[in-house]
Amino acid sequence: MQNVTAANTSAPLRMVTIRQAAATGILPEHCIRTMVKTGEIPCVYAGTKALLNLDKLIERLQAL
């Protein structure tokens, strides 16, 4: 039997685009785009599209 680690049991990542993150009402789209460009919010690029981990974004904003 295979050993189950904490990484295997965690919830799936909620990766969203900047527009989808702004639609949640957390921050305006322009503000999120600016924060991504300055490196304040970590993201992953899929082609030209920036994908944000929504849970990490919320955590980061609560820490500010």
N, C-alpha and C. Protein backbone atom coordinates (compact mmCIF):
# COMPACT_ATOMS: atom_id res chain seq x y z
N MET A 1 0.84 -1.18 0.00
CA MET A 1 0.00 0.00 0.00
C MET A 1 0.88 1.24 0.00
N GLN A 2 0.44 2.26 -0.70
CA GLN A 2 1.22 3.48 -0.84
C GLN A 2 1.00 4.40 0.35
N ASN A 3 2.08 5.06 0.79
CA ASN A 3 2.00 6.01 1.90
C ASN A 3 1.31 7.28 1.44
N VAL A 4 0.37 7.77 2.22
CA VAL A 4 -0.35 9.00 1.88
C VAL A 4 0.31 10.15 2.63
N THR A 5 0.72 11.17 1.87
CA THR A 5 1.34 12.33 2.50
C THR A 5 0.34 13.47 2.59
N ALA A 6 0.72 14.50 3.30
CA ALA A 6 -0.17 15.65 3.45
C ALA A 6 -0.45 16.32 2.11
N ALA A 7 0.50 16.30 1.20
CA ALA A 7 0.31 16.93 -0.11
C ALA A 7 -0.76 16.22 -0.91
N ASN A 8 -0.90 14.92 -0.73
CA ASN A 8 -1.90 14.16 -1.48
C ASN A 8 -3.31 14.35 -0.94
N THR A 9 -3.44 14.77 0.31
CA THR A 9 -4.76 14.88 0.91
C THR A 9 -5.28 16.31 0.94
N SER A 10 -4.50 17.27 0.48
CA SER A 10 -4.94 18.65 0.52
C SER A 10 -5.99 18.93 -0.55
N ALA A 11 -6.72 19.99 -0.34
CA ALA A 11 -7.77 20.38 -1.30
C ALA A 11 -7.12 20.88 -2.59
N PRO A 12 -7.81 20.73 -3.70
CA PRO A 12 -7.24 21.22 -4.97
C PRO A 12 -7.11 22.74 -4.96
N LEU A 13 -6.14 23.24 -5.69
CA LEU A 13 -5.91 24.68 -5.78
C LEU A 13 -7.04 25.34 -6.56
N ARG A 14 -7.43 26.51 -6.12
CA ARG A 14 -8.43 27.28 -6.86
C ARG A 14 -7.68 28.36 -7.63
N MET A 15 -7.28 28.04 -8.83
CA MET A 15 -6.55 28.97 -9.67
C MET A 15 -7.56 29.74 -10.52
N VAL A 16 -7.49 31.07 -10.46
CA VAL A 16 -8.42 31.91 -11.18
C VAL A 16 -7.65 32.98 -11.94
N THR A 17 -8.28 33.52 -12.95
CA THR A 17 -7.69 34.63 -13.70
C THR A 17 -7.87 35.92 -12.89
N ILE A 18 -7.21 36.96 -13.32
CA ILE A 18 -7.34 38.25 -12.64
C ILE A 18 -8.78 38.73 -12.70
N ARG A 19 -9.42 38.58 -13.84
CA ARG A 19 -10.80 39.02 -14.00
C ARG A 19 -11.74 38.24 -13.07
N GLN A 20 -11.52 36.94 -12.93
CA GLN A 20 -12.35 36.13 -12.05
C GLN A 20 -12.13 36.51 -10.59
N ALA A 21 -10.89 36.80 -10.22
CA ALA A 21 -10.59 37.23 -8.85
C ALA A 21 -11.27 38.56 -8.55
N ALA A 22 -11.26 39.48 -9.51
CA ALA A 22 -11.90 40.78 -9.33
C ALA A 22 -13.42 40.62 -9.22
N ALA A 23 -13.99 39.64 -9.90
CA ALA A 23 -15.43 39.43 -9.86
C ALA A 23 -15.91 38.98 -8.48
N THR A 24 -15.01 38.46 -7.64
CA THR A 24 -15.39 38.07 -6.29
C THR A 24 -15.61 39.29 -5.40
N GLY A 25 -15.12 40.45 -5.83
CA GLY A 25 -15.30 41.67 -5.06
C GLY A 25 -14.19 41.95 -4.07
N ILE A 26 -13.12 41.17 -4.12
CA ILE A 26 -12.01 41.37 -3.19
C ILE A 26 -11.33 42.72 -3.46
N LEU A 27 -10.94 42.92 -4.68
CA LEU A 27 -10.27 44.14 -5.13
C LEU A 27 -10.70 44.44 -6.55
N PRO A 28 -10.56 45.69 -6.98
CA PRO A 28 -10.84 46.00 -8.39
C PRO A 28 -9.80 45.35 -9.31
N GLU A 29 -10.21 45.09 -10.52
CA GLU A 29 -9.34 44.41 -11.50
C GLU A 29 -8.04 45.18 -11.72
N HIS A 30 -8.12 46.49 -11.85
CA HIS A 30 -6.92 47.30 -12.10
C HIS A 30 -5.93 47.17 -10.94
N CYS A 31 -6.43 47.14 -9.73
CA CYS A 31 -5.58 47.02 -8.56
C CYS A 31 -4.87 45.66 -8.54
N ILE A 32 -5.59 44.60 -8.86
CA ILE A 32 -5.00 43.26 -8.89
C ILE A 32 -3.94 43.19 -9.98
N ARG A 33 -4.23 43.75 -11.16
CA ARG A 33 -3.24 43.75 -12.25
C ARG A 33 -1.97 44.49 -11.85
N THR A 34 -2.12 45.62 -11.19
CA THR A 34 -0.96 46.39 -10.74
C THR A 34 -0.14 45.61 -9.73
N MET A 35 -0.81 44.94 -8.80
CA MET A 35 -0.11 44.16 -7.78
C MET A 35 0.61 42.97 -8.39
N VAL A 36 0.04 42.37 -9.43
CA VAL A 36 0.71 41.25 -10.12
C VAL A 36 1.97 41.76 -10.82
N LYS A 37 1.87 42.90 -11.50
CA LYS A 37 3.02 43.44 -12.24
C LYS A 37 4.16 43.85 -11.31
N THR A 38 3.83 44.34 -10.11
CA THR A 38 4.88 44.75 -9.17
C THR A 38 5.40 43.58 -8.34
N GLY A 39 4.76 42.41 -8.46
CA GLY A 39 5.23 41.23 -7.73
C GLY A 39 4.66 41.09 -6.34
N GLU A 40 3.68 41.91 -5.97
CA GLU A 40 3.08 41.82 -4.64
C GLU A 40 2.19 40.60 -4.50
N ILE A 41 1.63 40.13 -5.61
CA ILE A 41 0.78 38.95 -5.61
C ILE A 41 1.46 37.90 -6.49
N PRO A 42 1.72 36.70 -5.93
CA PRO A 42 2.33 35.65 -6.75
C PRO A 42 1.33 35.10 -7.76
N CYS A 43 1.82 34.78 -8.94
CA CYS A 43 0.95 34.21 -9.98
C CYS A 43 1.76 33.27 -10.85
N VAL A 44 1.04 32.51 -11.64
CA VAL A 44 1.62 31.60 -12.61
C VAL A 44 1.07 32.00 -13.97
N TYR A 45 1.94 32.09 -14.96
CA TYR A 45 1.48 32.47 -16.29
C TYR A 45 1.24 31.23 -17.13
N ALA A 46 0.08 31.18 -17.78
CA ALA A 46 -0.25 30.15 -18.76
C ALA A 46 -0.40 30.90 -20.08
N GLY A 47 0.69 30.96 -20.82
CA GLY A 47 0.71 31.80 -22.02
C GLY A 47 0.78 33.24 -21.57
N THR A 48 -0.18 34.04 -21.96
CA THR A 48 -0.21 35.44 -21.53
C THR A 48 -1.16 35.66 -20.37
N LYS A 49 -1.85 34.62 -19.94
CA LYS A 49 -2.85 34.73 -18.88
C LYS A 49 -2.21 34.47 -17.51
N ALA A 50 -2.43 35.38 -16.58
CA ALA A 50 -1.93 35.20 -15.22
C ALA A 50 -2.97 34.47 -14.40
N LEU A 51 -2.55 33.40 -13.73
CA LEU A 51 -3.45 32.63 -12.87
C LEU A 51 -3.03 32.82 -11.42
N LEU A 52 -4.00 33.14 -10.59
CA LEU A 52 -3.75 33.40 -9.18
C LEU A 52 -4.35 32.29 -8.34
N ASN A 53 -3.66 31.93 -7.27
CA ASN A 53 -4.22 31.00 -6.30
C ASN A 53 -5.13 31.84 -5.40
N LEU A 54 -6.42 31.68 -5.52
CA LEU A 54 -7.38 32.52 -4.83
C LEU A 54 -7.22 32.46 -3.31
N ASP A 55 -6.98 31.27 -2.77
CA ASP A 55 -6.82 31.14 -1.33
C ASP A 55 -5.59 31.89 -0.83
N LYS A 56 -4.49 31.80 -1.57
CA LYS A 56 -3.26 32.52 -1.19
C LYS A 56 -3.46 34.02 -1.31
N LEU A 57 -4.21 34.46 -2.31
CA LEU A 57 -4.49 35.89 -2.48
C LEU A 57 -5.25 36.41 -1.27
N ILE A 58 -6.25 35.68 -0.83
CA ILE A 58 -7.03 36.10 0.34
C ILE A 58 -6.16 36.14 1.59
N GLU A 59 -5.32 35.13 1.77
CA GLU A 59 -4.40 35.10 2.91
C GLU A 59 -3.46 36.30 2.88
N ARG A 60 -2.92 36.60 1.71
CA ARG A 60 -1.98 37.70 1.55
C ARG A 60 -2.64 39.04 1.88
N LEU A 61 -3.89 39.22 1.45
CA LEU A 61 -4.59 40.46 1.71
C LEU A 61 -4.96 40.61 3.18
N GLN A 62 -5.24 39.51 3.86
CA GLN A 62 -5.56 39.58 5.29
C GLN A 62 -4.33 39.94 6.11
N ALA A 63 -3.14 39.58 5.62
CA ALA A 63 -1.90 39.87 6.33
C ALA A 63 -1.54 41.34 6.23
N LEU A 64 -2.07 42.04 5.21
CA LEU A 64 -1.73 43.47 5.05
C LEU A 64 -2.43 44.32 6.02
